[in-house]
Amino acid sequence: MTEEEAKKAIQNIPIGGKLQLLKKNGDIVEVVLASHDTESIEKKVYNNLTVPTMPPALIVQGKRWGTFRQELEEIVTIAHIES
């Protein structure tokens, strides 16, 4: 899924809305939308620590995982199931 497709799919969904994500591997994951931000994160260097570039992703909350980034390249479809 491209960043533009993801932004269009979530633009009218409120923060806290429940989503089902169909992933490329066939998994269906139920999550809660935590942010409308889908931007990638550029590489950053802090003294001896390098944080690699992170691709565009949805910021979501899952039951077991807390808040995390779900990379857009792994998502096929986003379905809004509850506000």
PDB file of N, CA and C in Angstrom:
ATOM      1  N   MET A   1       0.849  -1.157   0.000  1.00  0.00           N
ATOM      2  CA  MET A   1       0.000   0.000   0.000  1.00  0.00           C
ATOM      3  C   MET A   1       0.903   1.230   0.000  1.00  0.00           C
ATOM      4  N   THR A   2       0.533   2.210  -0.789  1.00  0.00           N
ATOM      5  CA  THR A   2       1.312   3.447  -0.843  1.00  0.00           C
ATOM      6  C   THR A   2       0.887   4.383   0.285  1.00  0.00           C
ATOM      7  N   GLU A   3       1.707   5.377   0.533  1.00  0.00           N
ATOM      8  CA  GLU A   3       1.403   6.352   1.580  1.00  0.00           C
ATOM      9  C   GLU A   3       0.138   7.135   1.243  1.00  0.00           C
ATOM     10  N   GLU A   4      -0.051   7.476  -0.031  1.00  0.00           N
ATOM     11  CA  GLU A   4      -1.241   8.212  -0.459  1.00  0.00           C
ATOM     12  C   GLU A   4      -2.503   7.374  -0.248  1.00  0.00           C
ATOM     13  N   GLU A   5      -2.451   6.087  -0.579  1.00  0.00           N
ATOM     14  CA  GLU A   5      -3.598   5.192  -0.376  1.00  0.00           C
ATOM     15  C   GLU A   5      -3.936   5.080   1.104  1.00  0.00           C
ATOM     16  N   ALA A   6      -2.933   4.976   1.933  1.00  0.00           N
ATOM     17  CA  ALA A   6      -3.155   4.863   3.381  1.00  0.00           C
ATOM     18  C   ALA A   6      -3.765   6.144   3.937  1.00  0.00           C
ATOM     19  N   LYS A   7      -3.238   7.297   3.527  1.00  0.00           N
ATOM     20  CA  LYS A   7      -3.783   8.571   4.006  1.00  0.00           C
ATOM     21  C   LYS A   7      -5.244   8.715   3.607  1.00  0.00           C
ATOM     22  N   LYS A   8      -5.570   8.318   2.389  1.00  0.00           N
ATOM     23  CA  LYS A   8      -6.960   8.395   1.915  1.00  0.00           C
ATOM     24  C   LYS A   8      -7.856   7.451   2.722  1.00  0.00           C
ATOM     25  N   ALA A   9      -7.351   6.264   3.052  1.00  0.00           N
ATOM     26  CA  ALA A   9      -8.141   5.276   3.788  1.00  0.00           C
ATOM     27  C   ALA A   9      -8.413   5.700   5.230  1.00  0.00           C
ATOM     28  N   ILE A  10      -7.495   6.441   5.855  1.00  0.00           N
ATOM     29  CA  ILE A  10      -7.663   6.799   7.270  1.00  0.00           C
ATOM     30  C   ILE A  10      -8.072   8.240   7.506  1.00  0.00           C
ATOM     31  N   GLN A  11      -8.215   9.039   6.463  1.00  0.00           N
ATOM     32  CA  GLN A  11      -8.470  10.466   6.646  1.00  0.00           C
ATOM     33  C   GLN A  11      -9.748  10.776   7.423  1.00  0.00           C
ATOM     34  N   ASN A  12     -10.783   9.969   7.290  1.00  0.00           N
ATOM     35  CA  ASN A  12     -12.048  10.225   7.977  1.00  0.00           C
ATOM     36  C   ASN A  12     -12.248   9.359   9.214  1.00  0.00           C
ATOM     37  N   ILE A  13     -11.228   8.611   9.595  1.00  0.00           N
ATOM     38  CA  ILE A  13     -11.315   7.747  10.771  1.00  0.00           C
ATOM     39  C   ILE A  13     -10.748   8.503  11.958  1.00  0.00           C
ATOM     40  N   PRO A  14     -11.508   8.616  13.053  1.00  0.00           N
ATOM     41  CA  PRO A  14     -10.998   9.348  14.217  1.00  0.00           C
ATOM     42  C   PRO A  14      -9.882   8.570  14.924  1.00  0.00           C
ATOM     43  N   ILE A  15      -9.004   9.302  15.597  1.00  0.00           N
ATOM     44  CA  ILE A  15      -7.987   8.668  16.434  1.00  0.00           C
ATOM     45  C   ILE A  15      -8.747   7.833  17.468  1.00  0.00           C
ATOM     46  N   GLY A  16      -8.340   6.610  17.655  1.00  0.00           N
ATOM     47  CA  GLY A  16      -9.036   5.711  18.567  1.00  0.00           C
ATOM     48  C   GLY A  16     -10.011   4.786  17.858  1.00  0.00           C
ATOM     49  N   GLY A  17     -10.205   4.996  16.536  1.00  0.00           N
ATOM     50  CA  GLY A  17     -11.082   4.125  15.755  1.00  0.00           C
ATOM     51  C   GLY A  17     -10.436   2.767  15.541  1.00  0.00           C
ATOM     52  N   LYS A  18     -11.250   1.712  15.560  1.00  0.00           N
ATOM     53  CA  LYS A  18     -10.726   0.360  15.360  1.00  0.00           C
ATOM     54  C   LYS A  18     -10.599   0.047  13.875  1.00  0.00           C
ATOM     55  N   LEU A  19      -9.480  -0.584  13.528  1.00  0.00           N
ATOM     56  CA  LEU A  19      -9.186  -0.953  12.153  1.00  0.00           C
ATOM     57  C   LEU A  19      -8.875  -2.440  12.063  1.00  0.00           C
ATOM     58  N   GLN A  20      -9.152  -3.003  10.899  1.00  0.00           N
ATOM     59  CA  GLN A  20      -8.642  -4.325  10.573  1.00  0.00           C
ATOM     60  C   GLN A  20      -7.695  -4.129   9.403  1.00  0.00           C
ATOM     61  N   LEU A  21      -6.484  -4.642   9.559  1.00  0.00           N
ATOM     62  CA  LEU A  21      -5.469  -4.543   8.519  1.00  0.00           C
ATOM     63  C   LEU A  21      -5.283  -5.915   7.896  1.00  0.00           C
ATOM     64  N   LEU A  22      -5.454  -6.001   6.596  1.00  0.00           N
ATOM     65  CA  LEU A  22      -5.151  -7.230   5.861  1.00  0.00           C
ATOM     66  C   LEU A  22      -3.721  -7.092   5.373  1.00  0.00           C
ATOM     67  N   LYS A  23      -2.861  -8.003   5.836  1.00  0.00           N
ATOM     68  CA  LYS A  23      -1.452  -7.930   5.487  1.00  0.00           C
ATOM     69  C   LYS A  23      -1.138  -8.842   4.305  1.00  0.00           C
ATOM     70  N   LYS A  24      -0.009  -8.604   3.661  1.00  0.00           N
ATOM     71  CA  LYS A  24       0.407  -9.392   2.499  1.00  0.00           C
ATOM     72  C   LYS A  24       0.545 -10.875   2.795  1.00  0.00           C
ATOM     73  N   ASN A  25       0.897 -11.226   4.038  1.00  0.00           N
ATOM     74  CA  ASN A  25       1.070 -12.633   4.388  1.00  0.00           C
ATOM     75  C   ASN A  25      -0.262 -13.319   4.716  1.00  0.00           C
ATOM     76  N   GLY A  26      -1.375 -12.593   4.588  1.00  0.00           N
ATOM     77  CA  GLY A  26      -2.697 -13.163   4.827  1.00  0.00           C
ATOM     78  C   GLY A  26      -3.239 -12.925   6.224  1.00  0.00           C
ATOM     79  N   ASP A  27      -2.422 -12.421   7.127  1.00  0.00           N
ATOM     80  CA  ASP A  27      -2.883 -12.145   8.487  1.00  0.00           C
ATOM     81  C   ASP A  27      -3.869 -10.981   8.492  1.00  0.00           C
ATOM     82  N   ILE A  28      -4.851 -11.075   9.377  1.00  0.00           N
ATOM     83  CA  ILE A  28      -5.770  -9.969   9.619  1.00  0.00           C
ATOM     84  C   ILE A  28      -5.516  -9.521  11.049  1.00  0.00           C
ATOM     85  N   VAL A  29      -5.130  -8.260  11.202  1.00  0.00           N
ATOM     86  CA  VAL A  29      -4.752  -7.727  12.502  1.00  0.00           C
ATOM     87  C   VAL A  29      -5.755  -6.643  12.887  1.00  0.00           C
ATOM     88  N   GLU A  30      -6.305  -6.745  14.097  1.00  0.00           N
ATOM     89  CA  GLU A  30      -7.219  -5.726  14.600  1.00  0.00           C
ATOM     90  C   GLU A  30      -6.440  -4.789  15.509  1.00  0.00           C
ATOM     91  N   VAL A  31      -6.464  -3.497  15.172  1.00  0.00           N
ATOM     92  CA  VAL A  31      -5.690  -2.488  15.903  1.00  0.00           C
ATOM     93  C   VAL A  31      -6.539  -1.234  16.088  1.00  0.00           C
ATOM     94  N   VAL A  32      -6.005  -0.285  16.849  1.00  0.00           N
ATOM     95  CA  VAL A  32      -6.642   1.009  17.080  1.00  0.00           C
ATOM     96  C   VAL A  32      -5.737   2.081  16.480  1.00  0.00           C
ATOM     97  N   LEU A  33      -6.315   2.985  15.698  1.00  0.00           N
ATOM     98  CA  LEU A  33      -5.544   4.065  15.075  1.00  0.00           C
ATOM     99  C   LEU A  33      -5.037   5.016  16.146  1.00  0.00           C
ATOM    100  N   ALA A  34      -3.717   5.245  16.191  1.00  0.00           N
ATOM    101  CA  ALA A  34      -3.109   6.118  17.199  1.00  0.00           C
ATOM    102  C   ALA A  34      -2.691   7.465  16.626  1.00  0.00           C
ATOM    103  N   SER A  35      -2.566   7.569  15.299  1.00  0.00           N
ATOM    104  CA  SER A  35      -2.121   8.817  14.683  1.00  0.00           C
ATOM    105  C   SER A  35      -2.477   8.814  13.199  1.00  0.00           C
ATOM    106  N   HIS A  36      -2.688  10.000  12.650  1.00  0.00           N
ATOM    107  CA  HIS A  36      -2.900  10.119  11.207  1.00  0.00           C
ATOM    108  C   HIS A  36      -1.573  10.282  10.465  1.00  0.00           C
ATOM    109  N   ASP A  37      -0.478  10.336  11.198  1.00  0.00           N
ATOM    110  CA  ASP A  37       0.850  10.492  10.602  1.00  0.00           C
ATOM    111  C   ASP A  37       1.293   9.173   9.961  1.00  0.00           C
ATOM    112  N   THR A  38       1.717   9.231   8.713  1.00  0.00           N
ATOM    113  CA  THR A  38       2.207   8.043   8.004  1.00  0.00           C
ATOM    114  C   THR A  38       3.606   8.266   7.446  1.00  0.00           C
ATOM    115  N   GLU A  39       4.228   9.352   7.823  1.00  0.00           N
ATOM    116  CA  GLU A  39       5.523   9.744   7.263  1.00  0.00           C
ATOM    117  C   GLU A  39       6.628   8.750   7.590  1.00  0.00           C
ATOM    118  N   SER A  40       7.604   8.682   6.697  1.00  0.00           N
ATOM    119  CA  SER A  40       8.793   7.895   6.985  1.00  0.00           C
ATOM    120  C   SER A  40       9.688   8.716   7.921  1.00  0.00           C
ATOM    121  N   ILE A  41      10.642   8.055   8.538  1.00  0.00           N
ATOM    122  CA  ILE A  41      11.569   8.731   9.450  1.00  0.00           C
ATOM    123  C   ILE A  41      12.964   8.602   8.863  1.00  0.00           C
ATOM    124  N   GLU A  42      13.616   9.732   8.681  1.00  0.00           N
ATOM    125  CA  GLU A  42      14.960   9.751   8.104  1.00  0.00           C
ATOM    126  C   GLU A  42      15.991   9.192   9.081  1.00  0.00           C
ATOM    127  N   LYS A  43      17.107   8.745   8.542  1.00  0.00           N
ATOM    128  CA  LYS A  43      18.218   8.227   9.342  1.00  0.00           C
ATOM    129  C   LYS A  43      18.732   9.329  10.259  1.00  0.00           C
ATOM    130  N   LYS A  44      19.008   8.955  11.514  1.00  0.00           N
ATOM    131  CA  LYS A  44      19.544   9.911  12.480  1.00  0.00           C
ATOM    132  C   LYS A  44      20.766   9.298  13.154  1.00  0.00           C
ATOM    133  N   VAL A  45      21.739  10.145  13.433  1.00  0.00           N
ATOM    134  CA  VAL A  45      22.965   9.689  14.097  1.00  0.00           C
ATOM    135  C   VAL A  45      23.130  10.477  15.386  1.00  0.00           C
ATOM    136  N   TYR A  46      23.256   9.748  16.504  1.00  0.00           N
ATOM    137  CA  TYR A  46      23.482  10.337  17.817  1.00  0.00           C
ATOM    138  C   TYR A  46      24.794   9.783  18.361  1.00  0.00           C
ATOM    139  N   ASN A  47      25.830  10.574  18.359  1.00  0.00           N
ATOM    140  CA  ASN A  47      27.153  10.149  18.833  1.00  0.00           C
ATOM    141  C   ASN A  47      27.525   8.772  18.277  1.00  0.00           C
ATOM    142  N   ASN A  48      27.448   7.724  19.070  1.00  0.00           N
ATOM    143  CA  ASN A  48      27.825   6.376  18.622  1.00  0.00           C
ATOM    144  C   ASN A  48      26.626   5.537  18.181  1.00  0.00           C
ATOM    145  N   LEU A  49      25.437   6.108  18.193  1.00  0.00           N
ATOM    146  CA  LEU A  49      24.223   5.370  17.859  1.00  0.00           C
ATOM    147  C   LEU A  49      23.637   5.873  16.548  1.00  0.00           C
ATOM    148  N   THR A  50      23.319   4.948  15.634  1.00  0.00           N
ATOM    149  CA  THR A  50      22.689   5.307  14.367  1.00  0.00           C
ATOM    150  C   THR A  50      21.315   4.663  14.305  1.00  0.00           C
ATOM    151  N   VAL A  51      20.278   5.486  14.098  1.00  0.00           N
ATOM    152  CA  VAL A  51      18.917   4.995  13.928  1.00  0.00           C
ATOM    153  C   VAL A  51      18.663   4.957  12.424  1.00  0.00           C
ATOM    154  N   PRO A  52      18.365   3.773  11.861  1.00  0.00           N
ATOM    155  CA  PRO A  52      18.197   3.672  10.417  1.00  0.00           C
ATOM    156  C   PRO A  52      16.922   4.355   9.918  1.00  0.00           C
ATOM    157  N   THR A  53      16.860   4.582   8.619  1.00  0.00           N
ATOM    158  CA  THR A  53      15.664   5.128   7.993  1.00  0.00           C
ATOM    159  C   THR A  53      14.514   4.151   8.195  1.00  0.00           C
ATOM    160  N   MET A  54      13.346   4.693   8.544  1.00  0.00           N
ATOM    161  CA  MET A  54      12.169   3.854   8.737  1.00  0.00           C
ATOM    162  C   MET A  54      11.153   4.210   7.658  1.00  0.00           C
ATOM    163  N   PRO A  55      10.603   3.205   6.958  1.00  0.00           N
ATOM    164  CA  PRO A  55       9.664   3.469   5.867  1.00  0.00           C
ATOM    165  C   PRO A  55       8.316   3.991   6.385  1.00  0.00           C
ATOM    166  N   PRO A  56       7.467   4.514   5.480  1.00  0.00           N
ATOM    167  CA  PRO A  56       6.145   4.994   5.895  1.00  0.00           C
ATOM    168  C   PRO A  56       5.372   3.887   6.618  1.00  0.00           C
ATOM    169  N   ALA A  57       4.622   4.297   7.648  1.00  0.00           N
ATOM    170  CA  ALA A  57       3.900   3.320   8.458  1.00  0.00           C
ATOM    171  C   ALA A  57       2.700   3.968   9.136  1.00  0.00           C
ATOM    172  N   LEU A  58       1.733   3.130   9.520  1.00  0.00           N
ATOM    173  CA  LEU A  58       0.631   3.570  10.373  1.00  0.00           C
ATOM    174  C   LEU A  58       1.087   3.459  11.818  1.00  0.00           C
ATOM    175  N   ILE A  59       0.706   4.425  12.642  1.00  0.00           N
ATOM    176  CA  ILE A  59       0.965   4.350  14.073  1.00  0.00           C
ATOM    177  C   ILE A  59      -0.323   3.824  14.695  1.00  0.00           C
ATOM    178  N   VAL A  60      -0.235   2.633  15.285  1.00  0.00           N
ATOM    179  CA  VAL A  60      -1.421   1.962  15.812  1.00  0.00           C
ATOM    180  C   VAL A  60      -1.145   1.410  17.205  1.00  0.00           C
ATOM    181  N   GLN A  61      -2.228   1.003  17.878  1.00  0.00           N
ATOM    182  CA  GLN A  61      -2.119   0.349  19.173  1.00  0.00           C
ATOM    183  C   GLN A  61      -2.718  -1.040  19.048  1.00  0.00           C
ATOM    184  N   GLY A  62      -1.993  -2.023  19.547  1.00  0.00           N
ATOM    185  CA  GLY A  62      -2.473  -3.392  19.554  1.00  0.00           C
ATOM    186  C   GLY A  62      -2.594  -3.874  20.979  1.00  0.00           C
ATOM    187  N   LYS A  63      -3.371  -4.912  21.192  1.00  0.00           N
ATOM    188  CA  LYS A  63      -3.621  -5.398  22.545  1.00  0.00           C
ATOM    189  C   LYS A  63      -2.349  -5.854  23.236  1.00  0.00           C
ATOM    190  N   ARG A  64      -1.548  -6.666  22.588  1.00  0.00           N
ATOM    191  CA  ARG A  64      -0.344  -7.211  23.221  1.00  0.00           C
ATOM    192  C   ARG A  64       0.883  -6.348  23.012  1.00  0.00           C
ATOM    193  N   TRP A  65       0.898  -5.542  21.960  1.00  0.00           N
ATOM    194  CA  TRP A  65       2.126  -4.865  21.562  1.00  0.00           C
ATOM    195  C   TRP A  65       2.195  -3.406  21.964  1.00  0.00           C
ATOM    196  N   GLY A  66       1.170  -2.825  22.504  1.00  0.00           N
ATOM    197  CA  GLY A  66       1.174  -1.403  22.824  1.00  0.00           C
ATOM    198  C   GLY A  66       1.130  -0.582  21.539  1.00  0.00           C
ATOM    199  N   THR A  67       1.745   0.572  21.539  1.00  0.00           N
ATOM    200  CA  THR A  67       1.774   1.437  20.353  1.00  0.00           C
ATOM    201  C   THR A  67       2.979   1.047  19.496  1.00  0.00           C
ATOM    202  N   PHE A  68       2.726   0.878  18.188  1.00  0.00           N
ATOM    203  CA  PHE A  68       3.809   0.479  17.284  1.00  0.00           C
ATOM    204  C   PHE A  68       3.548   0.980  15.874  1.00  0.00           C
ATOM    205  N   ARG A  69       4.566   0.863  15.030  1.00  0.00           N
ATOM    206  CA  ARG A  69       4.482   1.251  13.616  1.00  0.00           C
ATOM    207  C   ARG A  69       4.212   0.002  12.780  1.00  0.00           C
ATOM    208  N   GLN A  70       3.154   0.048  11.978  1.00  0.00           N
ATOM    209  CA  GLN A  70       2.859  -1.033  11.038  1.00  0.00           C
ATOM    210  C   GLN A  70       3.238  -0.516   9.650  1.00  0.00           C
ATOM    211  N   GLU A  71       4.302  -1.064   9.080  1.00  0.00           N
ATOM    212  CA  GLU A  71       4.806  -0.570   7.800  1.00  0.00           C
ATOM    213  C   GLU A  71       3.757  -0.725   6.706  1.00  0.00           C
ATOM    214  N   LEU A  72       3.611   0.321   5.897  1.00  0.00           N
ATOM    215  CA  LEU A  72       2.592   0.337   4.846  1.00  0.00           C
ATOM    216  C   LEU A  72       2.850  -0.695   3.759  1.00  0.00           C
ATOM    217  N   GLU A  73       4.114  -1.025   3.495  1.00  0.00           N
ATOM    218  CA  GLU A  73       4.419  -1.991   2.440  1.00  0.00           C
ATOM    219  C   GLU A  73       3.907  -3.385   2.775  1.00  0.00           C
ATOM    220  N   GLU A  74       3.608  -3.655   4.058  1.00  0.00           N
ATOM    221  CA  GLU A  74       3.084  -4.951   4.473  1.00  0.00           C
ATOM    222  C   GLU A  74       1.551  -5.010   4.434  1.00  0.00           C
ATOM    223  N   ILE A  75       0.891  -3.863   4.240  1.00  0.00           N
ATOM    224  CA  ILE A  75      -0.574  -3.786   4.302  1.00  0.00           C
ATOM    225  C   ILE A  75      -1.170  -3.829   2.897  1.00  0.00           C
ATOM    226  N   VAL A  76      -2.219  -4.632   2.740  1.00  0.00           N
ATOM    227  CA  VAL A  76      -2.953  -4.704   1.474  1.00  0.00           C
ATOM    228  C   VAL A  76      -4.196  -3.832   1.549  1.00  0.00           C
ATOM    229  N   THR A  77      -4.969  -3.953   2.656  1.00  0.00           N
ATOM    230  CA  THR A  77      -6.229  -3.229   2.817  1.00  0.00           C
ATOM    231  C   THR A  77      -6.398  -2.763   4.259  1.00  0.00           C
ATOM    232  N   ILE A  78      -7.032  -1.589   4.407  1.00  0.00           N
ATOM    233  CA  ILE A  78      -7.377  -1.064   5.721  1.00  0.00           C
ATOM    234  C   ILE A  78      -8.901  -0.985   5.776  1.00  0.00           C
ATOM    235  N   ALA A  79      -9.502  -1.619   6.780  1.00  0.00           N
ATOM    236  CA  ALA A  79     -10.949  -1.575   6.960  1.00  0.00           C
ATOM    237  C   ALA A  79     -11.274  -0.931   8.300  1.00  0.00           C
ATOM    238  N   HIS A  80     -12.176   0.062   8.283  1.00  0.00           N
ATOM    239  CA  HIS A  80     -12.632   0.719   9.511  1.00  0.00           C
ATOM    240  C   HIS A  80     -13.783  -0.110  10.068  1.00  0.00           C
ATOM    241  N   ILE A  81     -13.639  -0.608  11.297  1.00  0.00           N
ATOM    242  CA  ILE A  81     -14.689  -1.469  11.843  1.00  0.00           C
ATOM    243  C   ILE A  81     -15.481  -0.841  12.977  1.00  0.00           C
ATOM    244  N   GLU A  82     -14.921   0.182  13.643  1.00  0.00           N
ATOM    245  CA  GLU A  82     -15.635   0.808  14.764  1.00  0.00           C
ATOM    246  C   GLU A  82     -14.969   2.115  15.126  1.00  0.00           C
ATOM    247  N   SER A  83     -15.782   3.125  15.507  1.00  0.00           N
ATOM    248  CA  SER A  83     -15.233   4.402  15.936  1.00  0.00           C
ATOM    249  C   SER A  83     -15.070   4.472  17.427  1.00  0.00           C
TER     250      SER A  83
END
